[in-house]
Amino acid sequence: MALTSILLLTIALFINYFREPLLGIKEGYAPHNFSFNFMFFLPSILISLGLGIAVIGRTIKHWTKWNNLNKKILLIGLSSPVIILFIYQTIRLQTID
């Protein structure tokens, strides 16, 4: 799940960055940007966020049962970028006037 979360986040950010050459969606054209964000970007980020939270919750739940510290750190490290990105975007939206 952690690998799926980070791959989905990477693919979504890659397609979002190169949306004009890949999909022909011009920057600043509201109807296409809204539909792209609503139909592709938002669901992929929310799925990735859900997977990331599930991985961190499961890792914390089984912290004492799993003996491999590297596995625990790897799972948390792979799933934390999407959570950090979501928190950053939420704070950024709150500060926009």
C-alpha atoms as a PDB file:
ATOM      1  CA  MET A   1       0.000   0.000   0.000  1.00  0.00           C
ATOM      2  CA  ALA A   2       2.862   2.396   0.728  1.00  0.00           C
ATOM      3  CA  LEU A   3       4.390   1.803  -2.688  1.00  0.00           C
ATOM      4  CA  THR A   4       1.016   2.300  -4.366  1.00  0.00           C
ATOM      5  CA  SER A   5       0.513   5.532  -2.424  1.00  0.00           C
ATOM      6  CA  ILE A   6       3.841   7.045  -3.462  1.00  0.00           C
ATOM      7  CA  LEU A   7       3.499   5.866  -7.074  1.00  0.00           C
ATOM      8  CA  LEU A   8      -0.013   7.279  -7.380  1.00  0.00           C
ATOM      9  CA  LEU A   9       1.161  10.585  -5.918  1.00  0.00           C
ATOM     10  CA  THR A  10       4.133  10.716  -8.282  1.00  0.00           C
ATOM     11  CA  ILE A  11       2.027   9.924 -11.350  1.00  0.00           C
ATOM     12  CA  ALA A  12      -0.624  12.485 -10.382  1.00  0.00           C
ATOM     13  CA  LEU A  13       1.954  15.229  -9.816  1.00  0.00           C
ATOM     14  CA  PHE A  14       3.773  14.322 -13.058  1.00  0.00           C
ATOM     15  CA  ILE A  15       0.574  14.457 -15.122  1.00  0.00           C
ATOM     16  CA  ASN A  16      -0.472  17.683 -13.368  1.00  0.00           C
ATOM     17  CA  TYR A  17       2.870  19.328 -14.157  1.00  0.00           C
ATOM     18  CA  PHE A  18       2.843  18.230 -17.824  1.00  0.00           C
ATOM     19  CA  ARG A  19      -0.911  18.535 -18.407  1.00  0.00           C
ATOM     20  CA  GLU A  20      -0.614  20.929 -21.344  1.00  0.00           C
ATOM     21  CA  PRO A  21       1.722  18.777 -23.492  1.00  0.00           C
ATOM     22  CA  LEU A  22       0.050  15.512 -22.452  1.00  0.00           C
ATOM     23  CA  LEU A  23      -3.628  16.481 -22.376  1.00  0.00           C
ATOM     24  CA  GLY A  24      -3.789  19.900 -24.036  1.00  0.00           C
ATOM     25  CA  ILE A  25      -5.182  21.611 -20.929  1.00  0.00           C
ATOM     26  CA  LYS A  26      -3.907  25.184 -20.932  1.00  0.00           C
ATOM     27  CA  GLU A  27      -2.943  26.914 -17.723  1.00  0.00           C
ATOM     28  CA  GLY A  28      -5.611  29.378 -16.648  1.00  0.00           C
ATOM     29  CA  TYR A  29      -8.499  28.021 -18.738  1.00  0.00           C
ATOM     30  CA  ALA A  30     -11.024  27.459 -15.962  1.00  0.00           C
ATOM     31  CA  PRO A  31     -13.436  24.817 -17.353  1.00  0.00           C
ATOM     32  CA  HIS A  32     -10.710  22.404 -18.390  1.00  0.00           C
ATOM     33  CA  ASN A  33      -8.658  22.961 -15.227  1.00  0.00           C
ATOM     34  CA  PHE A  34     -11.700  22.442 -13.013  1.00  0.00           C
ATOM     35  CA  SER A  35     -12.718  19.235 -14.741  1.00  0.00           C
ATOM     36  CA  PHE A  36      -9.139  17.926 -14.723  1.00  0.00           C
ATOM     37  CA  ASN A  37      -8.745  18.652 -11.020  1.00  0.00           C
ATOM     38  CA  PHE A  38     -12.183  17.308 -10.110  1.00  0.00           C
ATOM     39  CA  MET A  39     -12.072  14.144 -12.246  1.00  0.00           C
ATOM     40  CA  PHE A  40      -8.404  13.127 -11.998  1.00  0.00           C
ATOM     41  CA  PHE A  41      -6.176  15.043  -9.617  1.00  0.00           C
ATOM     42  CA  LEU A  42      -8.409  15.245  -6.534  1.00  0.00           C
ATOM     43  CA  PRO A  43      -9.455  11.556  -6.556  1.00  0.00           C
ATOM     44  CA  SER A  44      -5.896  10.340  -7.064  1.00  0.00           C
ATOM     45  CA  ILE A  45      -4.589  12.535  -4.238  1.00  0.00           C
ATOM     46  CA  LEU A  46      -7.405  11.447  -1.905  1.00  0.00           C
ATOM     47  CA  ILE A  47      -6.826   7.759  -2.700  1.00  0.00           C
ATOM     48  CA  SER A  48      -3.120   8.231  -2.122  1.00  0.00           C
ATOM     49  CA  LEU A  49      -3.841  10.035   1.159  1.00  0.00           C
ATOM     50  CA  GLY A  50      -6.135   7.234   2.308  1.00  0.00           C
ATOM     51  CA  LEU A  51      -3.519   4.622   1.507  1.00  0.00           C
ATOM     52  CA  GLY A  52      -0.845   6.649   3.308  1.00  0.00           C
ATOM     53  CA  ILE A  53      -2.941   7.028   6.434  1.00  0.00           C
ATOM     54  CA  ALA A  54      -3.794   3.315   6.352  1.00  0.00           C
ATOM     55  CA  VAL A  55      -0.118   2.365   6.094  1.00  0.00           C
ATOM     56  CA  ILE A  56       0.924   4.630   8.950  1.00  0.00           C
ATOM     57  CA  GLY A  57      -1.979   3.437  11.097  1.00  0.00           C
ATOM     58  CA  ARG A  58      -1.190  -0.190  10.416  1.00  0.00           C
ATOM     59  CA  THR A  59       2.518   0.351  11.087  1.00  0.00           C
ATOM     60  CA  ILE A  60       1.800   2.021  14.418  1.00  0.00           C
ATOM     61  CA  LYS A  61      -0.712  -0.699  15.315  1.00  0.00           C
ATOM     62  CA  HIS A  62       1.805  -3.485  14.670  1.00  0.00           C
ATOM     63  CA  TRP A  63       4.876  -1.602  15.923  1.00  0.00           C
ATOM     64  CA  THR A  64       5.679  -4.057  18.705  1.00  0.00           C
ATOM     65  CA  LYS A  65       4.906  -7.178  16.631  1.00  0.00           C
ATOM     66  CA  TRP A  66       7.190  -6.324  13.713  1.00  0.00           C
ATOM     67  CA  ASN A  67      10.858  -6.692  14.557  1.00  0.00           C
ATOM     68  CA  ASN A  68      12.365  -5.177  11.406  1.00  0.00           C
ATOM     69  CA  LEU A  69      12.975  -1.476  12.120  1.00  0.00           C
ATOM     70  CA  ASN A  70      14.059  -0.797   8.520  1.00  0.00           C
ATOM     71  CA  LYS A  71      10.712  -2.062   7.237  1.00  0.00           C
ATOM     72  CA  LYS A  72       8.807   0.180   9.628  1.00  0.00           C
ATOM     73  CA  ILE A  73      10.833   3.252   8.685  1.00  0.00           C
ATOM     74  CA  LEU A  74      10.536   2.444   4.975  1.00  0.00           C
ATOM     75  CA  LEU A  75       6.754   2.111   5.184  1.00  0.00           C
ATOM     76  CA  ILE A  76       6.374   5.375   7.069  1.00  0.00           C
ATOM     77  CA  GLY A  77       8.845   7.114   4.764  1.00  0.00           C
ATOM     78  CA  LEU A  78       7.008   6.013   1.627  1.00  0.00           C
ATOM     79  CA  SER A  79       3.596   7.023   2.886  1.00  0.00           C
ATOM     80  CA  SER A  80       4.453  10.307   4.605  1.00  0.00           C
ATOM     81  CA  PRO A  81       5.036  12.548   1.517  1.00  0.00           C
ATOM     82  CA  VAL A  82       1.371  12.520   0.560  1.00  0.00           C
ATOM     83  CA  ILE A  83       0.334  13.404   4.114  1.00  0.00           C
ATOM     84  CA  ILE A  84       2.893  16.218   4.260  1.00  0.00           C
ATOM     85  CA  LEU A  85       1.702  17.507   0.868  1.00  0.00           C
ATOM     86  CA  PHE A  86      -1.939  17.406   1.979  1.00  0.00           C
ATOM     87  CA  ILE A  87      -1.165  19.309   5.200  1.00  0.00           C
ATOM     88  CA  TYR A  88       0.890  21.872   3.253  1.00  0.00           C
ATOM     89  CA  GLN A  89      -1.902  22.422   0.722  1.00  0.00           C
ATOM     90  CA  THR A  90      -4.492  22.762   3.489  1.00  0.00           C
ATOM     91  CA  ILE A  91      -2.415  25.372   5.320  1.00  0.00           C
ATOM     92  CA  ARG A  92      -1.734  27.176   2.046  1.00  0.00           C
ATOM     93  CA  LEU A  93      -5.460  27.353   1.252  1.00  0.00           C
ATOM     94  CA  GLN A  94      -6.172  28.779   4.711  1.00  0.00           C
ATOM     95  CA  THR A  95      -3.674  31.612   4.262  1.00  0.00           C
ATOM     96  CA  ILE A  96      -4.918  32.791   0.844  1.00  0.00           C
ATOM     97  CA  ASP A  97      -6.775  36.098   1.163  1.00  0.00           C
END
